Amino acid sequence: MIKTHKKLLIVTSIIILLPTVAGLILWDRLPQEVPTHWGFNGQPDDYASREVAVFLLPLLMLAVQWLCVLAETFATKNKHQNPKLLGLVLWICPLISTVCMTGVYAWALGYTFPVERVIIPVLGILFCIIGNYMPKCRPNRTMGIRIPWTMLNEATWVAAHRLTGWIWTLGGILILPCALLPHPYLFWCFLGIVLVMTLVPIVYSAIHYYRNR
């Protein structure tokens, strides 16, 4: 994966670290403690030092990015995976990092930035895009619905990922208007949809496996 997506990996890694550059530019304007977590009411409920927010949070996100890349690179069963799907995975961390750190800096500077009303539609769109590629995901050890019965039976894998593609695309569309709901219904609606998107493929794949083994 590193060789085939070298340029994209460099670009996405730089994007993940851009909030650190922004933090250095804003350093003198940032308070000693900045918000790093928001509650169901949309208000900050946890804080961290300016140093942690500016340096540690982007580095942690970069570490997650590279852990995913290394896991994908050394997975022996992933050599023939869809390259577009692999490229898509590289954009998840930069996207989340950019939105979340924008919210952190905005709140720290006194601006009310609705992080949840931005990140939820972004995740909805992301689910739609991933859902489109799910049916093309081949059996592997790092991506997809990797549970015992899909890993043991290729036909179950294919069936489960075809269904997952439809469910995730539909779920992503349904998630979009959740951002318009008042608190705390916004979060409960989002979590409910994600729970259905997660459980239905698992249950379906189990039924498919035991019926066709």
N, C-alpha and C. Protein backbone atom coordinates (compact mmCIF):
# COMPACT_ATOMS: atom_id res chain seq x y z
N MET A 1 0.83 -1.21 0.00
CA MET A 1 0.00 0.00 0.00
C MET A 1 0.86 1.26 0.00
N ILE A 2 1.97 1.23 0.72
CA ILE A 2 2.84 2.40 0.81
C ILE A 2 3.41 2.75 -0.56
N LYS A 3 3.82 1.75 -1.31
CA LYS A 3 4.40 2.00 -2.63
C LYS A 3 3.36 2.51 -3.62
N THR A 4 2.19 1.89 -3.63
CA THR A 4 1.17 2.24 -4.62
C THR A 4 0.48 3.57 -4.30
N HIS A 5 0.47 3.98 -3.04
CA HIS A 5 -0.20 5.22 -2.65
C HIS A 5 0.77 6.18 -1.96
N LYS A 6 2.02 6.16 -2.39
CA LYS A 6 3.06 6.96 -1.72
C LYS A 6 2.73 8.45 -1.71
N LYS A 7 2.36 9.00 -2.87
CA LYS A 7 2.07 10.44 -2.96
C LYS A 7 0.84 10.81 -2.12
N LEU A 8 -0.20 9.97 -2.21
CA LEU A 8 -1.42 10.24 -1.46
C LEU A 8 -1.16 10.14 0.04
N LEU A 9 -0.31 9.21 0.44
CA LEU A 9 0.02 9.05 1.85
C LEU A 9 0.75 10.29 2.37
N ILE A 10 1.64 10.83 1.57
CA ILE A 10 2.37 12.04 1.97
C ILE A 10 1.41 13.22 2.09
N VAL A 11 0.52 13.36 1.10
CA VAL A 11 -0.43 14.48 1.10
C VAL A 11 -1.37 14.40 2.31
N THR A 12 -1.92 13.22 2.56
CA THR A 12 -2.86 13.07 3.67
C THR A 12 -2.17 13.25 5.02
N SER A 13 -0.92 12.82 5.12
CA SER A 13 -0.17 13.00 6.37
C SER A 13 0.06 14.49 6.64
N ILE A 14 0.37 15.23 5.59
CA ILE A 14 0.57 16.68 5.73
C ILE A 14 -0.72 17.36 6.17
N ILE A 15 -1.86 16.93 5.58
CA ILE A 15 -3.16 17.51 5.93
C ILE A 15 -3.47 17.26 7.40
N ILE A 16 -3.15 16.06 7.89
CA ILE A 16 -3.39 15.74 9.30
C ILE A 16 -2.61 16.67 10.22
N LEU A 17 -1.40 17.06 9.80
CA LEU A 17 -0.54 17.89 10.63
C LEU A 17 -0.77 19.39 10.44
N LEU A 18 -1.57 19.77 9.46
CA LEU A 18 -1.84 21.20 9.23
C LEU A 18 -2.43 21.90 10.46
N PRO A 19 -3.32 21.24 11.24
CA PRO A 19 -3.81 21.90 12.45
C PRO A 19 -2.70 22.31 13.42
N THR A 20 -1.57 21.59 13.42
CA THR A 20 -0.46 21.99 14.27
C THR A 20 0.13 23.32 13.79
N VAL A 21 0.24 23.46 12.48
CA VAL A 21 0.73 24.72 11.91
C VAL A 21 -0.23 25.85 12.26
N ALA A 22 -1.54 25.58 12.10
CA ALA A 22 -2.55 26.58 12.45
C ALA A 22 -2.47 26.94 13.93
N GLY A 23 -2.24 25.94 14.78
CA GLY A 23 -2.14 26.17 16.21
C GLY A 23 -0.95 27.05 16.57
N LEU A 24 0.17 26.85 15.87
CA LEU A 24 1.35 27.68 16.12
C LEU A 24 1.10 29.13 15.71
N ILE A 25 0.36 29.30 14.60
CA ILE A 25 0.03 30.65 14.14
C ILE A 25 -0.89 31.35 15.16
N LEU A 26 -1.82 30.56 15.73
CA LEU A 26 -2.79 31.12 16.68
C LEU A 26 -2.32 31.04 18.13
N TRP A 27 -1.11 30.59 18.36
CA TRP A 27 -0.64 30.24 19.69
C TRP A 27 -0.92 31.31 20.74
N ASP A 28 -0.57 32.55 20.46
CA ASP A 28 -0.73 33.62 21.44
C ASP A 28 -2.19 33.96 21.71
N ARG A 29 -3.09 33.57 20.82
CA ARG A 29 -4.51 33.87 20.99
C ARG A 29 -5.25 32.72 21.69
N LEU A 30 -4.63 31.55 21.75
CA LEU A 30 -5.27 30.39 22.36
C LEU A 30 -5.15 30.46 23.88
N PRO A 31 -6.22 30.09 24.60
CA PRO A 31 -6.14 30.05 26.07
C PRO A 31 -5.29 28.85 26.52
N GLN A 32 -4.97 28.83 27.81
CA GLN A 32 -4.15 27.73 28.34
C GLN A 32 -4.87 26.38 28.25
N GLU A 33 -6.20 26.39 28.33
CA GLU A 33 -6.99 25.17 28.19
C GLU A 33 -7.98 25.35 27.05
N VAL A 34 -8.09 24.34 26.20
CA VAL A 34 -9.00 24.41 25.05
C VAL A 34 -9.94 23.20 25.09
N PRO A 35 -11.15 23.35 24.55
CA PRO A 35 -12.10 22.23 24.55
C PRO A 35 -11.67 21.12 23.60
N THR A 36 -11.82 19.88 24.05
CA THR A 36 -11.44 18.73 23.21
C THR A 36 -12.56 17.70 23.09
N HIS A 37 -13.68 17.93 23.81
CA HIS A 37 -14.79 16.97 23.74
C HIS A 37 -16.09 17.72 23.97
N TRP A 38 -17.14 17.26 23.27
CA TRP A 38 -18.44 17.90 23.37
C TRP A 38 -19.48 16.90 23.83
N GLY A 39 -20.42 17.36 24.67
CA GLY A 39 -21.47 16.50 25.19
C GLY A 39 -22.67 16.44 24.28
N PHE A 40 -23.69 15.70 24.70
CA PHE A 40 -24.90 15.54 23.91
C PHE A 40 -25.66 16.86 23.72
N ASN A 41 -25.35 17.84 24.55
CA ASN A 41 -26.00 19.14 24.40
C ASN A 41 -25.26 20.08 23.47
N GLY A 42 -24.19 19.58 22.86
CA GLY A 42 -23.43 20.39 21.91
C GLY A 42 -22.45 21.35 22.55
N GLN A 43 -22.28 21.26 23.87
CA GLN A 43 -21.37 22.15 24.59
C GLN A 43 -20.12 21.39 25.02
N PRO A 44 -18.96 22.06 25.06
CA PRO A 44 -17.73 21.39 25.50
C PRO A 44 -17.86 20.88 26.93
N ASP A 45 -17.42 19.66 27.17
CA ASP A 45 -17.48 19.09 28.52
C ASP A 45 -16.14 18.51 28.98
N ASP A 46 -15.11 18.71 28.18
CA ASP A 46 -13.78 18.26 28.58
C ASP A 46 -12.74 19.16 27.92
N TYR A 47 -11.65 19.40 28.64
CA TYR A 47 -10.63 20.34 28.14
C TYR A 47 -9.25 19.72 28.26
N ALA A 48 -8.32 20.26 27.47
CA ALA A 48 -6.92 19.83 27.54
C ALA A 48 -6.05 21.07 27.40
N SER A 49 -4.79 20.92 27.72
CA SER A 49 -3.88 22.06 27.63
C SER A 49 -3.69 22.45 26.17
N ARG A 50 -3.26 23.67 25.98
CA ARG A 50 -2.98 24.18 24.64
C ARG A 50 -1.93 23.32 23.93
N GLU A 51 -0.92 22.88 24.67
CA GLU A 51 0.14 22.06 24.08
C GLU A 51 -0.39 20.72 23.58
N VAL A 52 -1.25 20.10 24.38
CA VAL A 52 -1.83 18.81 24.00
C VAL A 52 -2.67 18.95 22.74
N ALA A 53 -3.48 20.01 22.70
CA ALA A 53 -4.37 20.20 21.54
C ALA A 53 -3.59 20.47 20.27
N VAL A 54 -2.60 21.32 20.36
CA VAL A 54 -1.86 21.74 19.16
C VAL A 54 -0.92 20.66 18.65
N PHE A 55 -0.25 19.96 19.55
CA PHE A 55 0.77 19.00 19.13
C PHE A 55 0.31 17.54 19.22
N LEU A 56 -0.24 17.15 20.37
CA LEU A 56 -0.51 15.74 20.60
C LEU A 56 -1.69 15.21 19.78
N LEU A 57 -2.80 15.96 19.70
CA LEU A 57 -3.98 15.46 19.00
C LEU A 57 -3.69 15.17 17.52
N PRO A 58 -3.07 16.10 16.77
CA PRO A 58 -2.74 15.77 15.38
C PRO A 58 -1.76 14.60 15.26
N LEU A 59 -0.79 14.51 16.20
CA LEU A 59 0.17 13.40 16.14
C LEU A 59 -0.51 12.06 16.41
N LEU A 60 -1.49 12.05 17.32
CA LEU A 60 -2.24 10.82 17.57
C LEU A 60 -3.02 10.39 16.33
N MET A 61 -3.63 11.37 15.66
CA MET A 61 -4.37 11.06 14.45
C MET A 61 -3.43 10.55 13.35
N LEU A 62 -2.23 11.14 13.28
CA LEU A 62 -1.24 10.68 12.31
C LEU A 62 -0.79 9.26 12.63
N ALA A 63 -0.66 8.95 13.92
CA ALA A 63 -0.27 7.60 14.33
C ALA A 63 -1.34 6.59 13.93
N VAL A 64 -2.60 6.95 14.11
CA VAL A 64 -3.70 6.07 13.70
C VAL A 64 -3.65 5.83 12.19
N GLN A 65 -3.39 6.90 11.44
CA GLN A 65 -3.30 6.79 9.98
C GLN A 65 -2.22 5.79 9.58
N TRP A 66 -1.06 5.92 10.18
CA TRP A 66 0.06 5.06 9.81
C TRP A 66 -0.11 3.63 10.31
N LEU A 67 -0.75 3.46 11.44
CA LEU A 67 -1.04 2.11 11.92
C LEU A 67 -1.95 1.38 10.94
N CYS A 68 -2.96 2.10 10.44
CA CYS A 68 -3.86 1.50 9.44
C CYS A 68 -3.11 1.16 8.17
N VAL A 69 -2.22 2.05 7.75
CA VAL A 69 -1.44 1.83 6.53
C VAL A 69 -0.52 0.63 6.69
N LEU A 70 0.17 0.54 7.81
CA LEU A 70 1.08 -0.57 8.05
C LEU A 70 0.35 -1.89 8.16
N ALA A 71 -0.81 -1.88 8.83
CA ALA A 71 -1.60 -3.10 8.93
C ALA A 71 -2.04 -3.57 7.55
N GLU A 72 -2.44 -2.62 6.72
CA GLU A 72 -2.87 -2.95 5.36
C GLU A 72 -1.70 -3.43 4.52
N THR A 73 -0.54 -2.82 4.70
CA THR A 73 0.65 -3.16 3.91
C THR A 73 1.13 -4.58 4.18
N PHE A 74 1.10 -4.98 5.46
CA PHE A 74 1.66 -6.28 5.83
C PHE A 74 0.61 -7.39 5.89
N ALA A 75 -0.62 -7.07 5.52
CA ALA A 75 -1.65 -8.11 5.46
C ALA A 75 -1.47 -8.88 4.15
N THR A 76 -1.14 -10.15 4.27
CA THR A 76 -0.81 -10.95 3.08
C THR A 76 -2.00 -11.17 2.16
N LYS A 77 -3.22 -11.12 2.69
CA LYS A 77 -4.39 -11.38 1.87
C LYS A 77 -4.93 -10.12 1.17
N ASN A 78 -4.25 -9.00 1.32
CA ASN A 78 -4.76 -7.74 0.79
C ASN A 78 -4.07 -7.30 -0.49
N LYS A 79 -3.26 -8.15 -1.07
CA LYS A 79 -2.47 -7.74 -2.22
C LYS A 79 -3.32 -7.37 -3.43
N HIS A 80 -4.50 -7.95 -3.56
CA HIS A 80 -5.34 -7.69 -4.73
C HIS A 80 -6.58 -6.89 -4.37
N GLN A 81 -6.49 -6.10 -3.30
CA GLN A 81 -7.63 -5.30 -2.88
C GLN A 81 -7.86 -4.15 -3.86
N ASN A 82 -9.11 -3.71 -3.93
CA ASN A 82 -9.47 -2.61 -4.81
C ASN A 82 -8.65 -1.36 -4.44
N PRO A 83 -7.83 -0.82 -5.38
CA PRO A 83 -6.97 0.32 -5.04
C PRO A 83 -7.75 1.58 -4.68
N LYS A 84 -8.94 1.76 -5.25
CA LYS A 84 -9.75 2.93 -4.93
C LYS A 84 -10.24 2.87 -3.48
N LEU A 85 -10.56 1.67 -3.02
CA LEU A 85 -10.99 1.50 -1.64
C LEU A 85 -9.84 1.81 -0.69
N LEU A 86 -8.64 1.35 -1.05
CA LEU A 86 -7.47 1.62 -0.22
C LEU A 86 -7.18 3.12 -0.17
N GLY A 87 -7.33 3.79 -1.31
CA GLY A 87 -7.11 5.22 -1.36
C GLY A 87 -8.13 5.97 -0.52
N LEU A 88 -9.36 5.49 -0.54
CA LEU A 88 -10.42 6.12 0.25
C LEU A 88 -10.11 6.05 1.74
N VAL A 89 -9.57 4.93 2.19
CA VAL A 89 -9.24 4.75 3.60
C VAL A 89 -8.26 5.83 4.07
N LEU A 90 -7.36 6.24 3.19
CA LEU A 90 -6.35 7.22 3.56
C LEU A 90 -6.94 8.60 3.84
N TRP A 91 -8.15 8.86 3.36
CA TRP A 91 -8.75 10.19 3.55
C TRP A 91 -9.59 10.29 4.82
N ILE A 92 -9.84 9.18 5.50
CA ILE A 92 -10.70 9.21 6.68
C ILE A 92 -10.09 10.02 7.82
N CYS A 93 -8.85 9.73 8.19
CA CYS A 93 -8.19 10.44 9.29
C CYS A 93 -7.99 11.93 8.98
N PRO A 94 -7.52 12.31 7.78
CA PRO A 94 -7.38 13.74 7.49
C PRO A 94 -8.71 14.49 7.58
N LEU A 95 -9.77 13.85 7.13
CA LEU A 95 -11.08 14.50 7.15
C LEU A 95 -11.55 14.74 8.58
N ILE A 96 -11.46 13.71 9.41
CA ILE A 96 -11.88 13.83 10.81
C ILE A 96 -10.99 14.82 11.56
N SER A 97 -9.69 14.77 11.31
CA SER A 97 -8.75 15.66 11.97
C SER A 97 -9.05 17.12 11.64
N THR A 98 -9.31 17.41 10.38
CA THR A 98 -9.56 18.79 9.95
C THR A 98 -10.82 19.35 10.60
N VAL A 99 -11.91 18.56 10.55
CA VAL A 99 -13.18 19.04 11.11
C VAL A 99 -13.08 19.22 12.63
N CYS A 100 -12.54 18.23 13.31
CA CYS A 100 -12.47 18.28 14.77
C CYS A 100 -11.55 19.40 15.27
N MET A 101 -10.39 19.55 14.65
CA MET A 101 -9.47 20.58 15.09
C MET A 101 -9.98 21.98 14.75
N THR A 102 -10.76 22.09 13.68
CA THR A 102 -11.40 23.38 13.38
C THR A 102 -12.34 23.75 14.52
N GLY A 103 -13.10 22.75 15.00
CA GLY A 103 -13.99 22.99 16.13
C GLY A 103 -13.23 23.35 17.40
N VAL A 104 -12.12 22.67 17.66
CA VAL A 104 -11.31 22.94 18.85
C VAL A 104 -10.83 24.39 18.85
N TYR A 105 -10.25 24.83 17.73
CA TYR A 105 -9.72 26.19 17.66
C TYR A 105 -10.83 27.24 17.68
N ALA A 106 -11.93 26.95 17.01
CA ALA A 106 -13.03 27.92 16.96
C ALA A 106 -13.57 28.18 18.36
N TRP A 107 -13.84 27.09 19.12
CA TRP A 107 -14.35 27.26 20.48
C TRP A 107 -13.32 27.92 21.38
N ALA A 108 -12.05 27.58 21.18
CA ALA A 108 -11.00 28.17 22.00
C ALA A 108 -10.89 29.67 21.78
N LEU A 109 -11.23 30.13 20.58
CA LEU A 109 -11.15 31.55 20.25
C LEU A 109 -12.47 32.28 20.52
N GLY A 110 -13.45 31.55 21.04
CA GLY A 110 -14.69 32.20 21.41
C GLY A 110 -15.80 32.13 20.39
N TYR A 111 -15.58 31.35 19.32
CA TYR A 111 -16.61 31.20 18.29
C TYR A 111 -17.40 29.91 18.52
N THR A 112 -18.70 29.98 18.33
CA THR A 112 -19.54 28.79 18.50
C THR A 112 -19.54 28.01 17.19
N PHE A 113 -18.75 26.96 17.16
CA PHE A 113 -18.64 26.12 15.97
C PHE A 113 -19.39 24.82 16.23
N PRO A 114 -20.48 24.56 15.50
CA PRO A 114 -21.28 23.35 15.75
C PRO A 114 -20.59 22.09 15.22
N VAL A 115 -19.63 21.59 15.99
CA VAL A 115 -18.83 20.44 15.54
C VAL A 115 -19.71 19.26 15.15
N GLU A 116 -20.70 18.95 15.99
CA GLU A 116 -21.55 17.79 15.75
C GLU A 116 -22.40 17.96 14.50
N ARG A 117 -22.78 19.20 14.17
CA ARG A 117 -23.63 19.44 13.00
C ARG A 117 -22.81 19.46 11.70
N VAL A 118 -21.50 19.41 11.85
CA VAL A 118 -20.61 19.32 10.69
C VAL A 118 -20.10 17.89 10.53
N ILE A 119 -19.64 17.30 11.64
CA ILE A 119 -19.03 15.97 11.57
C ILE A 119 -20.06 14.90 11.22
N ILE A 120 -21.31 15.03 11.69
CA ILE A 120 -22.31 14.01 11.40
C ILE A 120 -22.65 13.95 9.90
N PRO A 121 -22.90 15.09 9.22
CA PRO A 121 -23.10 15.01 7.77
C PRO A 121 -21.86 14.49 7.03
N VAL A 122 -20.68 14.88 7.52
CA VAL A 122 -19.44 14.37 6.90
C VAL A 122 -19.37 12.85 7.00
N LEU A 123 -19.71 12.33 8.17
CA LEU A 123 -19.71 10.87 8.36
C LEU A 123 -20.79 10.21 7.50
N GLY A 124 -21.94 10.88 7.35
CA GLY A 124 -22.99 10.35 6.49
C GLY A 124 -22.53 10.21 5.06
N ILE A 125 -21.87 11.25 4.55
CA ILE A 125 -21.34 11.21 3.19
C ILE A 125 -20.28 10.12 3.07
N LEU A 126 -19.45 10.01 4.10
CA LEU A 126 -18.39 8.99 4.10
C LEU A 126 -18.99 7.59 4.07
N PHE A 127 -20.05 7.36 4.84
CA PHE A 127 -20.72 6.06 4.83
C PHE A 127 -21.28 5.75 3.43
N CYS A 128 -21.84 6.77 2.77
CA CYS A 128 -22.38 6.58 1.42
C CYS A 128 -21.27 6.16 0.45
N ILE A 129 -20.13 6.83 0.54
CA ILE A 129 -19.01 6.53 -0.36
C ILE A 129 -18.46 5.13 -0.09
N ILE A 130 -18.27 4.81 1.20
CA ILE A 130 -17.77 3.48 1.55
C ILE A 130 -18.77 2.41 1.14
N GLY A 131 -20.07 2.70 1.33
CA GLY A 131 -21.10 1.75 0.92
C GLY A 131 -21.04 1.43 -0.55
N ASN A 132 -20.70 2.42 -1.36
CA ASN A 132 -20.57 2.20 -2.79
C ASN A 132 -19.44 1.24 -3.14
N TYR A 133 -18.40 1.22 -2.29
CA TYR A 133 -17.25 0.36 -2.57
C TYR A 133 -17.31 -0.97 -1.82
N MET A 134 -18.19 -1.10 -0.85
CA MET A 134 -18.27 -2.33 -0.06
C MET A 134 -18.44 -3.59 -0.92
N PRO A 135 -19.34 -3.60 -1.92
CA PRO A 135 -19.50 -4.82 -2.72
C PRO A 135 -18.23 -5.20 -3.48
N LYS A 136 -17.32 -4.25 -3.66
CA LYS A 136 -16.08 -4.51 -4.38
C LYS A 136 -14.94 -4.93 -3.46
N CYS A 137 -15.22 -4.96 -2.16
CA CYS A 137 -14.19 -5.31 -1.17
C CYS A 137 -13.98 -6.82 -1.16
N ARG A 138 -12.77 -7.23 -1.43
CA ARG A 138 -12.44 -8.66 -1.46
C ARG A 138 -12.05 -9.15 -0.06
N PRO A 139 -12.15 -10.46 0.17
CA PRO A 139 -11.77 -11.00 1.49
C PRO A 139 -10.37 -10.58 1.90
N ASN A 140 -10.24 -10.06 3.11
CA ASN A 140 -8.94 -9.60 3.60
C ASN A 140 -8.97 -9.60 5.12
N ARG A 141 -7.87 -9.18 5.73
CA ARG A 141 -7.74 -9.25 7.19
C ARG A 141 -7.85 -7.89 7.87
N THR A 142 -8.08 -6.82 7.14
CA THR A 142 -8.08 -5.49 7.75
C THR A 142 -9.32 -4.65 7.46
N MET A 143 -10.07 -4.94 6.39
CA MET A 143 -11.21 -4.11 6.02
C MET A 143 -12.46 -4.95 5.79
N GLY A 144 -13.62 -4.32 5.97
CA GLY A 144 -14.87 -5.01 5.69
C GLY A 144 -15.49 -5.67 6.90
N ILE A 145 -16.49 -6.53 6.66
CA ILE A 145 -17.19 -7.25 7.72
C ILE A 145 -16.39 -8.50 8.03
N ARG A 146 -15.40 -8.35 8.90
CA ARG A 146 -14.46 -9.44 9.20
C ARG A 146 -14.89 -10.15 10.49
N ILE A 147 -15.80 -11.09 10.33
CA ILE A 147 -16.27 -11.92 11.43
C ILE A 147 -16.08 -13.37 11.02
N PRO A 148 -16.13 -14.31 11.97
CA PRO A 148 -15.77 -15.70 11.65
C PRO A 148 -16.46 -16.27 10.42
N TRP A 149 -17.76 -16.07 10.28
CA TRP A 149 -18.45 -16.73 9.18
C TRP A 149 -18.18 -16.08 7.82
N THR A 150 -17.85 -14.79 7.77
CA THR A 150 -17.48 -14.20 6.48
C THR A 150 -16.05 -14.60 6.09
N MET A 151 -15.19 -14.78 7.10
CA MET A 151 -13.81 -15.17 6.82
C MET A 151 -13.71 -16.64 6.43
N LEU A 152 -14.67 -17.45 6.86
CA LEU A 152 -14.63 -18.89 6.57
C LEU A 152 -15.27 -19.24 5.24
N ASN A 153 -16.14 -18.37 4.74
CA ASN A 153 -16.89 -18.70 3.53
C ASN A 153 -16.90 -17.49 2.60
N GLU A 154 -16.28 -17.65 1.42
CA GLU A 154 -16.19 -16.52 0.49
C GLU A 154 -17.56 -16.09 -0.04
N ALA A 155 -18.45 -17.07 -0.22
CA ALA A 155 -19.80 -16.75 -0.71
C ALA A 155 -20.54 -15.89 0.32
N THR A 156 -20.34 -16.20 1.60
CA THR A 156 -20.94 -15.40 2.66
C THR A 156 -20.34 -14.00 2.68
N TRP A 157 -19.03 -13.92 2.47
CA TRP A 157 -18.37 -12.61 2.40
C TRP A 157 -19.00 -11.75 1.30
N VAL A 158 -19.12 -12.33 0.12
CA VAL A 158 -19.67 -11.58 -1.02
C VAL A 158 -21.10 -11.13 -0.74
N ALA A 159 -21.93 -12.05 -0.25
CA ALA A 159 -23.34 -11.73 0.04
C ALA A 159 -23.45 -10.64 1.11
N ALA A 160 -22.65 -10.78 2.15
CA ALA A 160 -22.70 -9.82 3.25
C ALA A 160 -22.28 -8.43 2.80
N HIS A 161 -21.26 -8.34 1.95
CA HIS A 161 -20.78 -7.03 1.52
C HIS A 161 -21.67 -6.39 0.45
N ARG A 162 -22.39 -7.22 -0.29
CA ARG A 162 -23.38 -6.65 -1.20
C ARG A 162 -24.50 -5.99 -0.41
N LEU A 163 -24.98 -6.69 0.61
CA LEU A 163 -26.04 -6.12 1.46
C LEU A 163 -25.51 -4.90 2.21
N THR A 164 -24.29 -5.00 2.73
CA THR A 164 -23.71 -3.89 3.47
C THR A 164 -23.60 -2.64 2.61
N GLY A 165 -23.27 -2.84 1.34
CA GLY A 165 -23.17 -1.71 0.43
C GLY A 165 -24.47 -0.92 0.37
N TRP A 166 -25.59 -1.65 0.23
CA TRP A 166 -26.91 -1.00 0.17
C TRP A 166 -27.26 -0.35 1.52
N ILE A 167 -27.03 -1.07 2.61
CA ILE A 167 -27.40 -0.57 3.93
C ILE A 167 -26.58 0.66 4.31
N TRP A 168 -25.28 0.62 4.04
CA TRP A 168 -24.43 1.76 4.40
C TRP A 168 -24.75 2.98 3.54
N THR A 169 -25.07 2.76 2.29
CA THR A 169 -25.43 3.89 1.43
C THR A 169 -26.74 4.52 1.91
N LEU A 170 -27.74 3.67 2.19
CA LEU A 170 -29.02 4.17 2.70
C LEU A 170 -28.84 4.81 4.08
N GLY A 171 -28.06 4.15 4.93
CA GLY A 171 -27.80 4.70 6.26
C GLY A 171 -27.11 6.05 6.20
N GLY A 172 -26.16 6.19 5.29
CA GLY A 172 -25.47 7.46 5.13
C GLY A 172 -26.41 8.57 4.73
N ILE A 173 -27.35 8.25 3.85
CA ILE A 173 -28.35 9.24 3.42
C ILE A 173 -29.25 9.63 4.59
N LEU A 174 -29.66 8.64 5.39
CA LEU A 174 -30.54 8.91 6.53
C LEU A 174 -29.82 9.70 7.63
N ILE A 175 -28.50 9.56 7.71
CA ILE A 175 -27.73 10.27 8.72
C ILE A 175 -27.69 11.78 8.44
N LEU A 176 -27.71 12.16 7.17
CA LEU A 176 -27.55 13.57 6.81
C LEU A 176 -28.52 14.50 7.52
N PRO A 177 -29.83 14.22 7.52
CA PRO A 177 -30.77 15.14 8.19
C PRO A 177 -30.69 15.09 9.72
N CYS A 178 -29.95 14.11 10.27
CA CYS A 178 -29.81 14.05 11.74
C CYS A 178 -29.19 15.33 12.28
N ALA A 179 -28.34 15.96 11.47
CA ALA A 179 -27.66 17.17 11.91
C ALA A 179 -28.64 18.31 12.18
N LEU A 180 -29.85 18.22 11.67
CA LEU A 180 -30.84 19.28 11.84
C LEU A 180 -31.67 19.09 13.10
N LEU A 181 -31.56 17.92 13.73
CA LEU A 181 -32.36 17.63 14.91
C LEU A 181 -31.83 18.38 16.14
N PRO A 182 -32.69 18.68 17.09
CA PRO A 182 -32.23 19.33 18.32
C PRO A 182 -31.48 18.34 19.20
N HIS A 183 -30.70 18.86 20.14
CA HIS A 183 -30.01 18.00 21.10
C HIS A 183 -31.03 17.49 22.11
N PRO A 184 -30.87 16.25 22.63
CA PRO A 184 -29.85 15.26 22.30
C PRO A 184 -30.31 14.29 21.23
N TYR A 185 -31.46 14.56 20.58
CA TYR A 185 -32.00 13.63 19.59
C TYR A 185 -31.04 13.43 18.41
N LEU A 186 -30.25 14.46 18.14
CA LEU A 186 -29.27 14.39 17.07
C LEU A 186 -28.36 13.17 17.25
N PHE A 187 -27.82 13.02 18.46
CA PHE A 187 -26.87 11.93 18.71
C PHE A 187 -27.57 10.57 18.76
N TRP A 188 -28.74 10.53 19.41
CA TRP A 188 -29.43 9.24 19.52
C TRP A 188 -29.88 8.74 18.16
N CYS A 189 -30.32 9.63 17.31
CA CYS A 189 -30.71 9.24 15.95
C CYS A 189 -29.51 8.72 15.18
N PHE A 190 -28.40 9.43 15.28
CA PHE A 190 -27.17 9.01 14.62
C PHE A 190 -26.71 7.64 15.11
N LEU A 191 -26.67 7.47 16.42
CA LEU A 191 -26.22 6.21 17.00
C LEU A 191 -27.15 5.06 16.64
N GLY A 192 -28.46 5.33 16.59
CA GLY A 192 -29.42 4.29 16.22
C GLY A 192 -29.22 3.80 14.80
N ILE A 193 -28.99 4.74 13.89
CA ILE A 193 -28.78 4.36 12.48
C ILE A 193 -27.49 3.57 12.34
N VAL A 194 -26.43 4.03 13.00
CA VAL A 194 -25.14 3.32 12.92
C VAL A 194 -25.26 1.93 13.52
N LEU A 195 -26.04 1.78 14.60
CA LEU A 195 -26.23 0.47 15.22
C LEU A 195 -26.91 -0.49 14.25
N VAL A 196 -27.94 -0.02 13.55
CA VAL A 196 -28.63 -0.84 12.54
C VAL A 196 -27.67 -1.20 11.41
N MET A 197 -26.89 -0.23 10.96
CA MET A 197 -25.93 -0.47 9.88
C MET A 197 -24.89 -1.52 10.27
N THR A 198 -24.60 -1.60 11.56
CA THR A 198 -23.60 -2.55 12.04
C THR A 198 -24.19 -3.94 12.27
N LEU A 199 -25.35 -4.00 12.91
CA LEU A 199 -25.92 -5.29 13.31
C LEU A 199 -26.54 -6.07 12.16
N VAL A 200 -27.23 -5.39 11.25
CA VAL A 200 -27.92 -6.09 10.17
C VAL A 200 -26.96 -6.93 9.32
N PRO A 201 -25.82 -6.38 8.84
CA PRO A 201 -24.89 -7.22 8.07
C PRO A 201 -24.35 -8.41 8.87
N ILE A 202 -24.12 -8.21 10.18
CA ILE A 202 -23.60 -9.30 11.00
C ILE A 202 -24.62 -10.43 11.11
N VAL A 203 -25.86 -10.07 11.40
CA VAL A 203 -26.92 -11.08 11.53
C VAL A 203 -27.17 -11.77 10.20
N TYR A 204 -27.23 -10.98 9.13
CA TYR A 204 -27.49 -11.55 7.80
C TYR A 204 -26.38 -12.52 7.40
N SER A 205 -25.13 -12.12 7.64
CA SER A 205 -24.01 -12.99 7.25
C SER A 205 -24.02 -14.30 8.04
N ALA A 206 -24.42 -14.24 9.32
CA ALA A 206 -24.50 -15.46 10.13
C ALA A 206 -25.57 -16.39 9.58
N ILE A 207 -26.73 -15.82 9.23
CA ILE A 207 -27.82 -16.63 8.66
C ILE A 207 -27.39 -17.24 7.34
N HIS A 208 -26.73 -16.44 6.51
CA HIS A 208 -26.27 -16.92 5.19
C HIS A 208 -25.27 -18.05 5.35
N TYR A 209 -24.35 -17.92 6.27
CA TYR A 209 -23.31 -18.93 6.47
C TYR A 209 -23.91 -20.26 6.92
N TYR A 210 -24.76 -20.24 7.92
CA TYR A 210 -25.30 -21.48 8.48
C TYR A 210 -26.30 -22.15 7.54
N ARG A 211 -26.88 -21.38 6.63
CA ARG A 211 -27.78 -21.96 5.64
C ARG A 211 -27.04 -22.58 4.47
N ASN A 212 -25.82 -22.14 4.21
CA ASN A 212 -25.12 -22.58 3.00
C ASN A 212 -23.81 -23.29 3.27
N ARG A 213 -23.54 -23.61 4.50
CA ARG A 213 -22.26 -24.30 4.77
C ARG A 213 -22.35 -25.78 4.38
